[in-house]
PDB file of N, CA and C in Angstrom:
ATOM      1  N   MET A   1      88.825  81.763 121.007  1.00  0.00           N
ATOM      2  CA  MET A   1      88.154  82.787 120.239  1.00  0.00           C
ATOM      3  C   MET A   1      86.661  82.459 120.217  1.00  0.00           C
ATOM      4  N   LEU A   2      85.868  83.469 120.466  1.00  0.00           N
ATOM      5  CA  LEU A   2      84.420  83.309 120.469  1.00  0.00           C
ATOM      6  C   LEU A   2      83.843  83.634 119.095  1.00  0.00           C
ATOM      7  N   THR A   3      82.773  82.951 118.742  1.00  0.00           N
ATOM      8  CA  THR A   3      82.054  83.352 117.538  1.00  0.00           C
ATOM      9  C   THR A   3      81.202  84.563 117.904  1.00  0.00           C
ATOM     10  N   LEU A   4      80.773  85.290 116.915  1.00  0.00           N
ATOM     11  CA  LEU A   4      79.941  86.458 117.158  1.00  0.00           C
ATOM     12  C   LEU A   4      78.660  86.071 117.891  1.00  0.00           C
ATOM     13  N   GLN A   5      78.061  84.972 117.484  1.00  0.00           N
ATOM     14  CA  GLN A   5      76.823  84.529 118.134  1.00  0.00           C
ATOM     15  C   GLN A   5      77.059  84.197 119.603  1.00  0.00           C
ATOM     16  N   ASP A   6      78.174  83.496 119.909  1.00  0.00           N
ATOM     17  CA  ASP A   6      78.495  83.194 121.307  1.00  0.00           C
ATOM     18  C   ASP A   6      78.727  84.468 122.108  1.00  0.00           C
ATOM     19  N   ALA A   7      79.412  85.432 121.511  1.00  0.00           N
ATOM     20  CA  ALA A   7      79.668  86.695 122.200  1.00  0.00           C
ATOM     21  C   ALA A   7      78.362  87.428 122.489  1.00  0.00           C
ATOM     22  N   LYS A   8      77.416  87.388 121.542  1.00  0.00           N
ATOM     23  CA  LYS A   8      76.110  88.016 121.763  1.00  0.00           C
ATOM     24  C   LYS A   8      75.374  87.334 122.912  1.00  0.00           C
ATOM     25  N   ASN A   9      75.395  86.010 122.898  1.00  0.00           N
ATOM     26  CA  ASN A   9      74.659  85.250 123.906  1.00  0.00           C
ATOM     27  C   ASN A   9      75.242  85.416 125.302  1.00  0.00           C
ATOM     28  N   ARG A  10      76.555  85.632 125.378  1.00  0.00           N
ATOM     29  CA  ARG A  10      77.224  85.732 126.682  1.00  0.00           C
ATOM     30  C   ARG A  10      77.894  87.083 126.859  1.00  0.00           C
ATOM     31  N   PHE A  11      77.270  88.140 126.390  1.00  0.00           N
ATOM     32  CA  PHE A  11      77.914  89.453 126.365  1.00  0.00           C
ATOM     33  C   PHE A  11      78.360  89.912 127.751  1.00  0.00           C
ATOM     34  N   SER A  12      77.529  89.712 128.756  1.00  0.00           N
ATOM     35  CA  SER A  12      77.910  90.122 130.115  1.00  0.00           C
ATOM     36  C   SER A  12      79.173  89.402 130.568  1.00  0.00           C
ATOM     37  N   ALA A  13      79.281  88.113 130.289  1.00  0.00           N
ATOM     38  CA  ALA A  13      80.466  87.347 130.672  1.00  0.00           C
ATOM     39  C   ALA A  13      81.689  87.799 129.873  1.00  0.00           C
ATOM     40  N   VAL A  14      81.490  88.146 128.612  1.00  0.00           N
ATOM     41  CA  VAL A  14      82.588  88.637 127.771  1.00  0.00           C
ATOM     42  C   VAL A  14      83.116  89.951 128.335  1.00  0.00           C
ATOM     43  N   VAL A  15      82.214  90.840 128.709  1.00  0.00           N
ATOM     44  CA  VAL A  15      82.619  92.132 129.289  1.00  0.00           C
ATOM     45  C   VAL A  15      83.334  91.917 130.618  1.00  0.00           C
ATOM     46  N   GLU A  16      82.815  91.044 131.455  1.00  0.00           N
ATOM     47  CA  GLU A  16      83.457  90.769 132.746  1.00  0.00           C
ATOM     48  C   GLU A  16      84.873  90.229 132.552  1.00  0.00           C
ATOM     49  N   ALA A  17      85.053  89.343 131.593  1.00  0.00           N
ATOM     50  CA  ALA A  17      86.387  88.791 131.329  1.00  0.00           C
ATOM     51  C   ALA A  17      87.336  89.880 130.834  1.00  0.00           C
ATOM     52  N   ALA A  18      86.846  90.753 129.974  1.00  0.00           N
ATOM     53  CA  ALA A  18      87.688  91.849 129.481  1.00  0.00           C
ATOM     54  C   ALA A  18      88.074  92.774 130.619  1.00  0.00           C
ATOM     55  N   LEU A  19      87.138  93.076 131.507  1.00  0.00           N
ATOM     56  CA  LEU A  19      87.435  93.930 132.657  1.00  0.00           C
ATOM     57  C   LEU A  19      88.415  93.279 133.618  1.00  0.00           C
ATOM     58  N   ALA A  20      88.442  91.952 133.628  1.00  0.00           N
ATOM     59  CA  ALA A  20      89.368  91.221 134.500  1.00  0.00           C
ATOM     60  C   ALA A  20      90.761  91.123 133.883  1.00  0.00           C
ATOM     61  N   GLY A  21      90.947  91.730 132.718  1.00  0.00           N
ATOM     62  CA  GLY A  21      92.279  91.736 132.118  1.00  0.00           C
ATOM     63  C   GLY A  21      92.503  90.657 131.083  1.00  0.00           C
ATOM     64  N   ARG A  22      91.443  89.970 130.659  1.00  0.00           N
ATOM     65  CA  ARG A  22      91.555  88.932 129.636  1.00  0.00           C
ATOM     66  C   ARG A  22      90.856  89.401 128.366  1.00  0.00           C
ATOM     67  N   PRO A  23      91.587  89.965 127.399  1.00  0.00           N
ATOM     68  CA  PRO A  23      90.956  90.414 126.155  1.00  0.00           C
ATOM     69  C   PRO A  23      90.189  89.271 125.493  1.00  0.00           C
ATOM     70  N   GLN A  24      89.043  89.592 124.934  1.00  0.00           N
ATOM     71  CA  GLN A  24      88.174  88.594 124.325  1.00  0.00           C
ATOM     72  C   GLN A  24      88.177  88.764 122.806  1.00  0.00           C
ATOM     73  N   GLU A  25      88.637  87.739 122.097  1.00  0.00           N
ATOM     74  CA  GLU A  25      88.668  87.772 120.643  1.00  0.00           C
ATOM     75  C   GLU A  25      87.352  87.215 120.105  1.00  0.00           C
ATOM     76  N   VAL A  26      86.797  87.915 119.117  1.00  0.00           N
ATOM     77  CA  VAL A  26      85.524  87.507 118.535  1.00  0.00           C
ATOM     78  C   VAL A  26      85.723  87.350 117.029  1.00  0.00           C
ATOM     79  N   SER A  27      85.201  86.248 116.502  1.00  0.00           N
ATOM     80  CA  SER A  27      85.308  86.006 115.064  1.00  0.00           C
ATOM     81  C   SER A  27      83.943  86.169 114.411  1.00  0.00           C
ATOM     82  N   ARG A  28      83.979  86.476 113.125  1.00  0.00           N
ATOM     83  CA  ARG A  28      82.753  86.572 112.339  1.00  0.00           C
ATOM     84  C   ARG A  28      82.980  85.829 111.040  1.00  0.00           C
ATOM     85  N   ARG A  29      82.113  84.895 110.753  1.00  0.00           N
ATOM     86  CA  ARG A  29      82.236  84.035 109.574  1.00  0.00           C
ATOM     87  C   ARG A  29      83.578  83.314 109.532  1.00  0.00           C
ATOM     88  N   GLY A  30      84.057  82.907 110.712  1.00  0.00           N
ATOM     89  CA  GLY A  30      85.283  82.125 110.798  1.00  0.00           C
ATOM     90  C   GLY A  30      86.577  82.918 110.754  1.00  0.00           C
ATOM     91  N   LYS A  31      86.484  84.242 110.660  1.00  0.00           N
ATOM     92  CA  LYS A  31      87.680  85.078 110.592  1.00  0.00           C
ATOM     93  C   LYS A  31      87.719  86.011 111.793  1.00  0.00           C
ATOM     94  N   PRO A  32      88.916  86.266 112.346  1.00  0.00           N
ATOM     95  CA  PRO A  32      89.007  87.204 113.474  1.00  0.00           C
ATOM     96  C   PRO A  32      88.398  88.557 113.098  1.00  0.00           C
ATOM     97  N   ALA A  33      87.550  89.095 113.978  1.00  0.00           N
ATOM     98  CA  ALA A  33      86.870  90.352 113.666  1.00  0.00           C
ATOM     99  C   ALA A  33      87.246  91.464 114.636  1.00  0.00           C
ATOM    100  N   VAL A  34      87.098  91.224 115.930  1.00  0.00           N
ATOM    101  CA  VAL A  34      87.362  92.267 116.925  1.00  0.00           C
ATOM    102  C   VAL A  34      87.967  91.653 118.180  1.00  0.00           C
ATOM    103  N   VAL A  35      88.554  92.532 118.984  1.00  0.00           N
ATOM    104  CA  VAL A  35      89.030  92.152 120.312  1.00  0.00           C
ATOM    105  C   VAL A  35      88.389  93.116 121.296  1.00  0.00           C
ATOM    106  N   ILE A  36      87.782  92.573 122.321  1.00  0.00           N
ATOM    107  CA  ILE A  36      87.136  93.398 123.342  1.00  0.00           C
ATOM    108  C   ILE A  36      88.099  93.509 124.515  1.00  0.00           C
ATOM    109  N   VAL A  37      88.460  94.757 124.833  1.00  0.00           N
ATOM    110  CA  VAL A  37      89.370  95.019 125.952  1.00  0.00           C
ATOM    111  C   VAL A  37      88.719  96.034 126.880  1.00  0.00           C
ATOM    112  N   ALA A  38      89.211  96.102 128.097  1.00  0.00           N
ATOM    113  CA  ALA A  38      88.719  97.082 129.061  1.00  0.00           C
ATOM    114  C   ALA A  38      89.080  98.484 128.586  1.00  0.00           C
ATOM    115  N   ALA A  39      88.265  99.460 128.946  1.00  0.00           N
ATOM    116  CA  ALA A  39      88.482 100.841 128.528  1.00  0.00           C
ATOM    117  C   ALA A  39      89.843 101.353 129.023  1.00  0.00           C
ATOM    118  N   ALA A  40      90.244 100.991 130.221  1.00  0.00           N
ATOM    119  CA  ALA A  40      91.537 101.437 130.757  1.00  0.00           C
ATOM    120  C   ALA A  40      92.697 100.875 129.928  1.00  0.00           C
ATOM    121  N   GLU A  41      92.579  99.631 129.512  1.00  0.00           N
ATOM    122  CA  GLU A  41      93.622  99.014 128.684  1.00  0.00           C
ATOM    123  C   GLU A  41      93.676  99.679 127.312  1.00  0.00           C
ATOM    124  N   TYR A  42      92.518  99.973 126.745  1.00  0.00           N
ATOM    125  CA  TYR A  42      92.472 100.658 125.451  1.00  0.00           C
ATOM    126  C   TYR A  42      93.124 102.036 125.554  1.00  0.00           C
ATOM    127  N   ALA A  43      92.811 102.783 126.606  1.00  0.00           N
ATOM    128  CA  ALA A  43      93.408 104.108 126.806  1.00  0.00           C
ATOM    129  C   ALA A  43      94.920 104.002 126.936  1.00  0.00           C
ATOM    130  N   ARG A  44      95.398 102.973 127.643  1.00  0.00           N
ATOM    131  CA  ARG A  44      96.847 102.771 127.798  1.00  0.00           C
ATOM    132  C   ARG A  44      97.496 102.487 126.449  1.00  0.00           C
ATOM    133  N   LEU A  45      96.865 101.669 125.634  1.00  0.00           N
ATOM    134  CA  LEU A  45      97.411 101.340 124.318  1.00  0.00           C
ATOM    135  C   LEU A  45      97.449 102.561 123.403  1.00  0.00           C
ATOM    136  N   VAL A  46      96.390 103.354 123.421  1.00  0.00           N
ATOM    137  CA  VAL A  46      96.335 104.555 122.584  1.00  0.00           C
ATOM    138  C   VAL A  46      97.378 105.565 123.025  1.00  0.00           C
ATOM    139  N   ALA A  47      97.515 105.760 124.326  1.00  0.00           N
ATOM    140  CA  ALA A  47      98.508 106.712 124.838  1.00  0.00           C
ATOM    141  C   ALA A  47      99.919 106.269 124.477  1.00  0.00           C
ATOM    142  N   GLY A  48     100.190 104.986 124.558  1.00  0.00           N
ATOM    143  CA  GLY A  48     101.518 104.475 124.199  1.00  0.00           C
ATOM    144  C   GLY A  48     101.825 104.669 122.730  1.00  0.00           C
ATOM    145  N   ALA A  49     100.832 104.445 121.889  1.00  0.00           N
ATOM    146  CA  ALA A  49     101.036 104.624 120.450  1.00  0.00           C
ATOM    147  C   ALA A  49     101.232 106.097 120.110  1.00  0.00           C
ATOM    148  N   SER A  50     100.482 106.971 120.763  1.00  0.00           N
ATOM    149  CA  SER A  50     100.601 108.409 120.502  1.00  0.00           C
ATOM    150  C   SER A  50     101.947 108.942 120.952  1.00  0.00           C
ATOM    151  N   ALA A  51     102.466 108.415 122.041  1.00  0.00           N
ATOM    152  CA  ALA A  51     103.752 108.897 122.565  1.00  0.00           C
ATOM    153  C   ALA A  51     104.896 108.565 121.618  1.00  0.00           C
ATOM    154  N   ARG A  52     104.805 107.467 120.898  1.00  0.00           N
ATOM    155  CA  ARG A  52     105.884 107.059 119.999  1.00  0.00           C
ATOM    156  C   ARG A  52     105.747 107.651 118.606  1.00  0.00           C
ATOM    157  N   ARG A  53     104.603 108.234 118.290  1.00  0.00           N
ATOM    158  CA  ARG A  53     104.344 108.724 116.942  1.00  0.00           C
ATOM    159  C   ARG A  53     104.925 110.124 116.783  1.00  0.00           C
ATOM    160  N   GLU A  54     105.677 110.325 115.703  1.00  0.00           N
ATOM    161  CA  GLU A  54     106.188 111.651 115.413  1.00  0.00           C
ATOM    162  C   GLU A  54     105.133 112.464 114.679  1.00  0.00           C
ATOM    163  N   SER A  55     105.329 113.780 114.639  1.00  0.00           N
ATOM    164  CA  SER A  55     104.365 114.610 113.936  1.00  0.00           C
ATOM    165  C   SER A  55     104.541 114.426 112.432  1.00  0.00           C
ATOM    166  N   PHE A  56     103.521 114.810 111.680  1.00  0.00           N
ATOM    167  CA  PHE A  56     103.587 114.696 110.228  1.00  0.00           C
ATOM    168  C   PHE A  56     104.689 115.593 109.676  1.00  0.00           C
ATOM    169  N   ALA A  57     104.866 116.780 110.259  1.00  0.00           N
ATOM    170  CA  ALA A  57     105.937 117.692 109.820  1.00  0.00           C
ATOM    171  C   ALA A  57     107.308 117.053 110.037  1.00  0.00           C
ATOM    172  N   ASP A  58     107.514 116.402 111.179  1.00  0.00           N
ATOM    173  CA  ASP A  58     108.788 115.717 111.430  1.00  0.00           C
ATOM    174  C   ASP A  58     109.004 114.601 110.421  1.00  0.00           C
ATOM    175  N   HIS A  59     107.945 113.899 110.094  1.00  0.00           N
ATOM    176  CA  HIS A  59     108.029 112.822 109.100  1.00  0.00           C
ATOM    177  C   HIS A  59     108.476 113.375 107.749  1.00  0.00           C
ATOM    178  N   LEU A  60     107.880 114.491 107.326  1.00  0.00           N
ATOM    179  CA  LEU A  60     108.262 115.093 106.044  1.00  0.00           C
ATOM    180  C   LEU A  60     109.697 115.621 106.068  1.00  0.00           C
ATOM    181  N   MET A  61     110.086 116.210 107.191  1.00  0.00           N
ATOM    182  CA  MET A  61     111.439 116.767 107.292  1.00  0.00           C
ATOM    183  C   MET A  61     112.503 115.674 107.269  1.00  0.00           C
ATOM    184  N   ALA A  62     112.151 114.470 107.650  1.00  0.00           N
ATOM    185  CA  ALA A  62     113.103 113.361 107.666  1.00  0.00           C
ATOM    186  C   ALA A  62     113.232 112.691 106.305  1.00  0.00           C
ATOM    187  N   PHE A  63     112.484 113.156 105.308  1.00  0.00           N
ATOM    188  CA  PHE A  63     112.536 112.554 103.974  1.00  0.00           C
ATOM    189  C   PHE A  63     113.954 112.671 103.415  1.00  0.00           C
ATOM    190  N   PRO A  64     114.508 111.572 102.932  1.00  0.00           N
ATOM    191  CA  PRO A  64     115.894 111.607 102.446  1.00  0.00           C
ATOM    192  C   PRO A  64     115.994 112.143 101.016  1.00  0.00           C
ATOM    193  N   GLY A  65     115.566 113.357 100.795  1.00  0.00           N
ATOM    194  CA  GLY A  65     115.615 113.956  99.466  1.00  0.00           C
ATOM    195  C   GLY A  65     117.014 114.438  99.129  1.00  0.00           C
ATOM    196  N   LEU A  66     117.190 114.882  97.903  1.00  0.00           N
ATOM    197  CA  LEU A  66     118.480 115.399  97.463  1.00  0.00           C
ATOM    198  C   LEU A  66     118.685 116.809  97.997  1.00  0.00           C
ATOM    199  N   PRO A  67     119.945 117.195  98.232  1.00  0.00           N
ATOM    200  CA  PRO A  67     120.211 118.576  98.632  1.00  0.00           C
ATOM    201  C   PRO A  67     119.762 119.529  97.520  1.00  0.00           C
ATOM    202  N   GLU A  68     119.446 120.752  97.876  1.00  0.00           N
ATOM    203  CA  GLU A  68     118.922 121.740  96.944  1.00  0.00           C
ATOM    204  C   GLU A  68     119.825 121.925  95.730  1.00  0.00           C
ATOM    205  N   GLU A  69     121.134 121.938  95.937  1.00  0.00           N
ATOM    206  CA  GLU A  69     122.056 122.179  94.815  1.00  0.00           C
ATOM    207  C   GLU A  69     122.145 120.992  93.851  1.00  0.00           C
ATOM    208  N   GLU A  70     121.723 119.827  94.249  1.00  0.00           N
ATOM    209  CA  GLU A  70     121.781 118.664  93.372  1.00  0.00           C
ATOM    210  C   GLU A  70     120.451 118.398  92.657  1.00  0.00           C
ATOM    211  N   THR A  71     119.461 119.164  92.940  1.00  0.00           N
ATOM    212  CA  THR A  71     118.146 118.943  92.349  1.00  0.00           C
ATOM    213  C   THR A  71     118.082 119.572  90.971  1.00  0.00           C
ATOM    214  N   ASP A  72     117.720 118.782  89.978  1.00  0.00           N
ATOM    215  CA  ASP A  72     117.571 119.303  88.614  1.00  0.00           C
ATOM    216  C   ASP A  72     116.241 120.031  88.514  1.00  0.00           C
ATOM    217  N   ARG A  73     116.307 121.247  88.065  1.00  0.00           N
ATOM    218  CA  ARG A  73     115.096 122.039  87.894  1.00  0.00           C
ATOM    219  C   ARG A  73     114.983 122.453  86.435  1.00  0.00           C
ATOM    220  N   ALA A  74     113.781 122.606  85.999  1.00  0.00           N
ATOM    221  CA  ALA A  74     113.563 123.062  84.614  1.00  0.00           C
ATOM    222  C   ALA A  74     114.089 124.489  84.478  1.00  0.00           C
ATOM    223  N   SER A  75     114.841 124.744  83.413  1.00  0.00           N
ATOM    224  CA  SER A  75     115.398 126.073  83.227  1.00  0.00           C
ATOM    225  C   SER A  75     114.578 126.890  82.240  1.00  0.00           C
ATOM    226  N   ALA A  76     113.487 126.357  81.742  1.00  0.00           N
ATOM    227  CA  ALA A  76     112.654 127.081  80.786  1.00  0.00           C
ATOM    228  C   ALA A  76     111.894 128.187  81.493  1.00  0.00           C
ATOM    229  N   ALA A  77     111.865 129.351  80.882  1.00  0.00           N
ATOM    230  CA  ALA A  77     111.126 130.469  81.432  1.00  0.00           C
ATOM    231  C   ALA A  77     109.694 130.422  80.892  1.00  0.00           C
ATOM    232  N   PRO A  78     108.755 130.955  81.642  1.00  0.00           N
ATOM    233  CA  PRO A  78     107.383 130.961  81.131  1.00  0.00           C
ATOM    234  C   PRO A  78     107.276 131.896  79.904  1.00  0.00           C
ATOM    235  N   ARG A  79     106.395 131.565  78.997  1.00  0.00           N
ATOM    236  CA  ARG A  79     106.262 132.375  77.782  1.00  0.00           C
ATOM    237  C   ARG A  79     105.355 133.578  78.065  1.00  0.00           C
ATOM    238  N   ASP A  80     105.524 134.601  77.291  1.00  0.00           N
ATOM    239  CA  ASP A  80     104.685 135.776  77.425  1.00  0.00           C
ATOM    240  C   ASP A  80     103.311 135.484  76.819  1.00  0.00           C
ATOM    241  N   VAL A  81     102.305 135.942  77.498  1.00  0.00           N
ATOM    242  CA  VAL A  81     100.946 135.747  77.038  1.00  0.00           C
ATOM    243  C   VAL A  81     100.288 137.104  76.946  1.00  0.00           C
ATOM    244  N   ALA A  82      99.728 137.419  75.796  1.00  0.00           N
ATOM    245  CA  ALA A  82      99.023 138.687  75.629  1.00  0.00           C
ATOM    246  C   ALA A  82      97.527 138.435  75.679  1.00  0.00           C
ATOM    247  N   PHE A  83      96.818 139.291  76.378  1.00  0.00           N
ATOM    248  CA  PHE A  83      95.363 139.173  76.487  1.00  0.00           C
ATOM    249  C   PHE A  83      94.699 140.262  75.721  1.00  0.00           C
TER     250      PHE A  83
END
């Protein structure tokens, strides 16, 4: 893992390594911060994640809620309001 300062000083070498298929991990203040990968690898990762992701509507439809007949609903009617 490279420190941020090392990555700045050797940025061309970091990019070349990423393009060669070796992702470069960079830390900031001793903690992992970013990973530099080639654009083609990033596109492959994004496409793979998108292919496995269901739509938000499908996610909601899969909610394990109660059937309509078992759902308790308030039976109070709204009150009349005169203006």
